[in-house]
Amino acid sequence: MARKVRPPFAWITELKRDDVPGSAREAYDEVIAAGKPQGPGAIAIHSPELARRRIPLNGYLRWQMAVDRRIHELTVLTTARSLDCAYVWNAHAGEARKAGVSDALVNAIRDKNPLPDAPADEAAVVHYVMALFGKHKISDSIYQAAVEAFGVKDLLELTSLAGRSRTR
């Protein structure tokens, strides 16, 4: 019998192997072998093939991007705050600080206050992500600052990271 996953996903039951159709068990087994899914991954496993296909992309976005870890964590943190996602915020606020994001900047994002003086790359990513999820539109000036800070390739990857963080 399926049992409930802990909040915030309490309305979706945990999927057990016995509940998986035979045609999806190979994908289910592969996901489980990679480590028991937690949080949003525990939800994605309800579509074992989707969960399997998420693994390489999530691994790349989480650990293999070339962008500085400070900018990576700041992207995730700003996404979490823009969407009021306490789960992701709590998982990454400390990581952002460890990566070198100042307490003043973390606190300003948390409190939705004007940004303190920050390096250009940090300001660029915060403004970009806030516009992406707040206005759903990137102005020419915000885009230009982000491209100058990161280049098109890294900005595309940061946008993908923000989108991934949105679905966590």
Protein backbone atom coordinates (compact mmCIF):
# COMPACT_ATOMS: atom_id res chain seq x y z
CA MET A 1 0.00 0.00 0.00
CA ALA A 2 1.28 3.48 -0.86
CA ARG A 3 2.05 5.86 1.98
CA LYS A 4 2.03 9.63 1.96
CA VAL A 5 5.13 11.67 1.20
CA ARG A 6 5.86 14.31 3.84
CA PRO A 7 4.71 17.91 3.19
CA PRO A 8 4.75 19.99 1.06
CA PHE A 9 3.69 17.14 -1.21
CA ALA A 10 1.39 15.38 1.27
CA TRP A 11 -1.45 15.09 -1.24
CA ILE A 12 0.58 12.80 -3.49
CA THR A 13 1.32 9.30 -2.27
CA GLU A 14 4.76 7.75 -2.42
CA LEU A 15 5.08 5.39 -5.36
CA LYS A 16 6.20 1.88 -4.51
CA ARG A 17 7.62 -0.56 -7.06
CA ASP A 18 4.58 -2.82 -6.75
CA ASP A 19 2.41 0.09 -7.91
CA VAL A 20 4.46 0.64 -11.10
CA PRO A 21 3.18 -0.98 -14.31
CA GLY A 22 5.54 -3.63 -15.67
CA SER A 23 6.42 -1.52 -18.71
CA ALA A 24 7.75 1.28 -16.47
CA ARG A 25 9.64 -0.83 -13.91
CA GLU A 26 12.99 -0.65 -15.70
CA ALA A 27 12.91 3.16 -15.59
CA TYR A 28 11.68 3.10 -11.98
CA ASP A 29 14.49 0.74 -10.95
CA GLU A 30 17.10 2.93 -12.67
CA VAL A 31 15.89 6.04 -10.83
CA ILE A 32 15.83 4.26 -7.48
CA ALA A 33 19.31 2.85 -8.10
CA ALA A 34 20.58 6.44 -8.52
CA GLY A 35 19.32 7.25 -5.00
CA LYS A 36 15.92 7.41 -3.40
CA PRO A 37 14.12 10.44 -4.83
CA GLN A 38 13.30 13.17 -2.34
CA GLY A 39 11.26 16.35 -2.52
CA PRO A 40 10.13 17.00 -6.09
CA GLY A 41 11.94 13.89 -7.29
CA ALA A 42 9.59 11.81 -5.16
CA ILE A 43 6.76 13.32 -7.18
CA ALA A 44 8.44 12.92 -10.59
CA ILE A 45 8.87 9.19 -9.99
CA HIS A 46 5.15 8.83 -10.68
CA SER A 47 6.28 9.07 -14.30
CA PRO A 48 9.31 6.78 -14.14
CA GLU A 49 10.48 7.58 -17.67
CA LEU A 50 10.29 11.33 -17.00
CA ALA A 51 12.16 10.83 -13.72
CA ARG A 52 14.84 8.81 -15.52
CA ARG A 53 15.30 11.48 -18.19
CA ARG A 54 15.58 14.22 -15.55
CA ILE A 55 18.63 12.64 -13.95
CA PRO A 56 21.29 13.67 -16.51
CA LEU A 57 19.92 17.20 -16.93
CA ASN A 58 19.60 17.73 -13.19
CA GLY A 59 23.12 16.43 -12.68
CA TYR A 60 24.50 18.80 -15.29
CA LEU A 61 22.62 21.83 -14.00
CA ARG A 62 23.42 21.07 -10.39
CA TRP A 63 27.10 20.08 -10.57
CA GLN A 64 28.65 20.49 -14.02
CA MET A 65 27.82 23.98 -15.26
CA ALA A 66 30.90 26.15 -15.84
CA VAL A 67 29.40 29.17 -14.08
CA ASP A 68 30.83 30.14 -10.69
CA ARG A 69 29.13 28.36 -7.77
CA ARG A 70 28.26 31.73 -6.21
CA ILE A 71 26.22 32.68 -9.30
CA HIS A 72 24.70 29.19 -9.47
CA GLU A 73 23.41 29.38 -5.89
CA LEU A 74 22.29 32.97 -6.34
CA THR A 75 20.22 31.92 -9.37
CA VAL A 76 18.52 29.17 -7.38
CA LEU A 77 17.99 31.42 -4.36
CA THR A 78 16.51 34.28 -6.40
CA THR A 79 14.22 31.83 -8.20
CA ALA A 80 13.04 30.42 -4.88
CA ARG A 81 12.30 33.87 -3.47
CA SER A 82 10.64 35.09 -6.64
CA LEU A 83 8.24 32.15 -6.40
CA ASP A 84 7.94 32.13 -2.58
CA CYS A 85 9.26 28.57 -2.51
CA ALA A 86 10.35 27.98 1.08
CA TYR A 87 11.56 24.43 0.35
CA VAL A 88 14.14 25.56 -2.21
CA TRP A 89 15.01 28.75 -0.28
CA ASN A 90 15.80 26.82 2.88
CA ALA A 91 17.84 24.27 0.95
CA HIS A 92 19.99 26.95 -0.71
CA ALA A 93 20.30 30.05 1.51
CA GLY A 94 23.18 28.53 3.45
CA GLU A 95 24.74 27.15 0.27
CA ALA A 96 24.69 30.62 -1.29
CA ARG A 97 26.44 32.08 1.73
CA LYS A 98 29.04 29.27 1.69
CA ALA A 99 29.65 30.00 -1.99
CA GLY A 100 30.44 33.63 -1.18
CA VAL A 101 27.15 35.51 -1.56
CA SER A 102 27.04 38.21 1.10
CA ASP A 103 24.58 38.11 3.98
CA ALA A 104 23.40 41.57 2.92
CA LEU A 105 22.46 40.35 -0.55
CA VAL A 106 20.82 37.14 0.73
CA ASN A 107 18.81 39.19 3.24
CA ALA A 108 17.78 41.76 0.63
CA ILE A 109 16.50 39.02 -1.66
CA ARG A 110 14.70 37.32 1.24
CA ASP A 111 13.06 40.57 2.35
CA LYS A 112 12.42 41.78 -1.21
CA ASN A 113 14.38 44.95 -0.48
CA PRO A 114 16.53 46.97 -2.87
CA LEU A 115 19.82 45.24 -3.53
CA PRO A 116 22.90 46.41 -1.65
CA ASP A 117 26.06 47.17 -3.57
CA ALA A 118 27.04 43.89 -5.17
CA PRO A 119 29.43 42.72 -7.86
CA ALA A 120 28.08 43.28 -11.37
CA ASP A 121 27.59 39.56 -12.06
CA GLU A 122 25.56 39.08 -8.87
CA ALA A 123 23.38 42.10 -9.56
CA ALA A 124 22.90 40.99 -13.17
CA VAL A 125 21.69 37.50 -12.27
CA VAL A 126 19.39 38.73 -9.50
CA HIS A 127 17.76 41.35 -11.74
CA TYR A 128 17.48 38.83 -14.59
CA VAL A 129 15.81 36.12 -12.51
CA MET A 130 13.53 38.60 -10.75
CA ALA A 131 12.36 39.95 -14.11
CA LEU A 132 11.99 36.45 -15.53
CA PHE A 133 9.62 35.32 -12.79
CA GLY A 134 8.23 38.67 -11.65
CA LYS A 135 7.40 40.40 -14.92
CA HIS A 136 7.79 37.36 -17.21
CA LYS A 137 9.70 39.68 -19.50
CA ILE A 138 13.36 40.67 -19.71
CA SER A 139 14.07 44.28 -20.60
CA ASP A 140 16.83 45.10 -23.06
CA SER A 141 18.97 46.64 -20.30
CA ILE A 142 18.62 43.63 -17.98
CA TYR A 143 19.38 41.24 -20.84
CA GLN A 144 22.41 43.27 -21.93
CA ALA A 145 23.83 43.34 -18.39
CA ALA A 146 23.34 39.57 -18.08
CA VAL A 147 24.96 38.83 -21.44
CA GLU A 148 27.89 41.08 -20.57
CA ALA A 149 28.32 39.29 -17.25
CA PHE A 150 27.89 35.71 -18.47
CA GLY A 151 27.82 35.44 -22.24
CA VAL A 152 24.95 33.85 -24.17
CA LYS A 153 25.88 30.21 -23.38
CA ASP A 154 26.11 30.68 -19.62
CA LEU A 155 23.00 32.87 -19.56
CA LEU A 156 21.08 30.13 -21.37
CA GLU A 157 22.29 27.63 -18.78
CA LEU A 158 21.39 29.96 -15.90
CA THR A 159 17.92 30.37 -17.39
CA SER A 160 17.61 26.58 -17.57
CA LEU A 161 18.80 26.32 -13.97
CA ALA A 162 16.17 28.86 -12.89
CA GLY A 163 13.51 26.87 -14.74
CA ARG A 164 14.69 23.63 -13.12
CA SER A 165 14.67 25.29 -9.70
CA ARG A 166 11.15 26.46 -10.37
CA THR A 167 9.98 22.87 -10.71
CA ARG A 168 11.77 21.56 -7.63
